[in-house]
């Protein structure tokens, strides 16, 4: 069953790369804080 072993190995490697990418984004990237203004139309609001 070398093909099954190879498939499982590739899936483990891809999962590890994905986990590493999420970990890197969570720990190394700092979000910028800024104020956001959203305008809401009064038409149909509160009916």
N, C-alpha and C. Protein backbone atom coordinates (compact mmCIF):
# COMPACT_ATOMS: atom_id res chain seq x y z
N UNK A 1 0.81 -1.20 0.00
CA UNK A 1 0.00 0.00 0.00
C UNK A 1 0.86 1.26 0.00
N UNK A 2 1.80 1.38 -0.90
CA UNK A 2 2.63 2.59 -0.91
C UNK A 2 1.84 3.83 -1.33
N UNK A 3 0.81 3.67 -2.17
CA UNK A 3 0.07 4.85 -2.60
C UNK A 3 -0.77 5.42 -1.46
N UNK A 4 -1.33 4.56 -0.62
CA UNK A 4 -2.10 5.04 0.53
C UNK A 4 -1.19 5.76 1.52
N UNK A 5 -0.02 5.21 1.75
CA UNK A 5 0.94 5.84 2.65
C UNK A 5 1.38 7.20 2.10
N UNK A 6 1.61 7.27 0.80
CA UNK A 6 2.01 8.53 0.17
C UNK A 6 0.89 9.57 0.28
N UNK A 7 -0.36 9.13 0.07
CA UNK A 7 -1.51 10.04 0.19
C UNK A 7 -1.63 10.59 1.60
N UNK A 8 -1.52 9.71 2.58
CA UNK A 8 -1.62 10.15 3.97
C UNK A 8 -0.48 11.10 4.32
N UNK A 9 0.71 10.82 3.85
CA UNK A 9 1.86 11.67 4.11
C UNK A 9 1.66 13.06 3.49
N UNK A 10 1.15 13.11 2.25
CA UNK A 10 0.91 14.40 1.60
C UNK A 10 -0.17 15.19 2.35
N UNK A 11 -1.22 14.52 2.79
CA UNK A 11 -2.28 15.20 3.55
C UNK A 11 -1.77 15.73 4.88
N UNK A 12 -0.90 14.99 5.55
CA UNK A 12 -0.32 15.45 6.81
C UNK A 12 0.57 16.67 6.57
N UNK A 13 1.35 16.64 5.50
CA UNK A 13 2.22 17.78 5.19
C UNK A 13 1.40 19.02 4.85
N UNK A 14 0.34 18.86 4.05
CA UNK A 14 -0.52 20.00 3.71
C UNK A 14 -1.23 20.55 4.95
N UNK A 15 -1.67 19.66 5.82
CA UNK A 15 -2.30 20.09 7.06
C UNK A 15 -1.32 20.85 7.95
N UNK A 16 -0.09 20.38 8.02
CA UNK A 16 0.94 21.07 8.80
C UNK A 16 1.26 22.44 8.24
N UNK A 17 1.31 22.55 6.92
CA UNK A 17 1.55 23.86 6.30
C UNK A 17 0.40 24.82 6.57
N UNK A 18 -0.82 24.31 6.49
CA UNK A 18 -1.99 25.15 6.79
C UNK A 18 -2.00 25.60 8.24
N UNK A 19 -1.70 24.69 9.15
CA UNK A 19 -1.64 25.03 10.56
C UNK A 19 -0.55 26.05 10.83
N UNK A 20 0.58 25.89 10.19
CA UNK A 20 1.69 26.83 10.35
C UNK A 20 1.33 28.22 9.83
N UNK A 21 0.60 28.28 8.73
CA UNK A 21 0.18 29.57 8.17
C UNK A 21 -0.78 30.27 9.12
N UNK A 22 -1.74 29.56 9.66
CA UNK A 22 -2.69 30.15 10.61
C UNK A 22 -1.97 30.60 11.88
N UNK A 23 -1.05 29.81 12.36
CA UNK A 23 -0.29 30.17 13.56
C UNK A 23 0.54 31.43 13.32
N UNK A 24 1.18 31.51 12.15
CA UNK A 24 2.00 32.67 11.83
C UNK A 24 1.13 33.93 11.73
N UNK A 25 -0.02 33.83 11.09
CA UNK A 25 -0.90 34.98 10.98
C UNK A 25 -1.42 35.42 12.34
N UNK A 26 -1.70 34.48 13.21
CA UNK A 26 -2.26 34.81 14.52
C UNK A 26 -1.22 35.45 15.44
N UNK A 27 0.03 35.09 15.29
CA UNK A 27 1.03 35.55 16.25
C UNK A 27 1.95 36.65 15.73
N UNK A 28 2.13 36.78 14.44
CA UNK A 28 3.10 37.73 13.91
C UNK A 28 2.47 38.97 13.29
N UNK A 29 1.22 38.89 12.86
CA UNK A 29 0.58 40.01 12.18
C UNK A 29 -0.26 40.79 13.18
N UNK A 30 0.04 42.08 13.32
CA UNK A 30 -0.72 42.95 14.21
C UNK A 30 -1.76 43.72 13.41
N UNK A 31 -3.03 43.66 13.81
CA UNK A 31 -4.06 44.40 13.09
C UNK A 31 -3.97 45.90 13.37
N UNK A 32 -4.32 46.71 12.37
CA UNK A 32 -4.35 48.15 12.55
C UNK A 32 -5.74 48.57 13.02
N UNK A 33 -5.79 49.39 14.07
CA UNK A 33 -7.07 49.87 14.57
C UNK A 33 -7.39 51.19 13.91
N UNK A 34 -8.64 51.33 13.49
CA UNK A 34 -9.09 52.57 12.90
C UNK A 34 -10.60 52.68 13.10
N UNK A 35 -11.10 53.91 13.00
CA UNK A 35 -12.52 54.13 13.16
C UNK A 35 -13.22 53.98 11.83
N UNK A 36 -14.41 53.39 11.88
CA UNK A 36 -15.19 53.16 10.67
C UNK A 36 -16.55 53.82 10.85
N UNK A 37 -16.97 54.57 9.83
CA UNK A 37 -18.29 55.19 9.83
C UNK A 37 -19.11 54.55 8.72
N UNK A 38 -20.31 54.07 9.10
CA UNK A 38 -21.19 53.43 8.14
C UNK A 38 -22.47 54.24 8.06
N UNK A 39 -22.84 54.69 6.86
CA UNK A 39 -24.07 55.43 6.67
C UNK A 39 -25.20 54.46 6.34
N UNK A 40 -26.34 54.66 7.02
CA UNK A 40 -27.51 53.82 6.82
C UNK A 40 -28.63 54.68 6.27
N UNK A 41 -29.25 54.25 5.17
CA UNK A 41 -30.36 54.99 4.60
C UNK A 41 -31.57 54.90 5.52
N UNK A 42 -32.32 55.99 5.64
CA UNK A 42 -33.50 56.00 6.49
C UNK A 42 -34.70 55.33 5.81
N UNK A 43 -34.66 55.18 4.48
CA UNK A 43 -35.76 54.56 3.76
C UNK A 43 -35.92 53.11 4.20
N UNK A 44 -37.09 52.80 4.71
CA UNK A 44 -37.36 51.42 5.10
C UNK A 44 -36.79 51.03 6.46
N UNK A 45 -36.16 51.96 7.14
CA UNK A 45 -35.57 51.66 8.44
C UNK A 45 -36.62 51.87 9.53
N UNK A 46 -36.88 50.89 10.35
CA UNK A 46 -37.82 51.02 11.45
C UNK A 46 -39.27 50.78 11.05
N UNK A 47 -39.50 50.13 9.94
CA UNK A 47 -40.89 49.85 9.54
C UNK A 47 -41.45 48.71 10.33
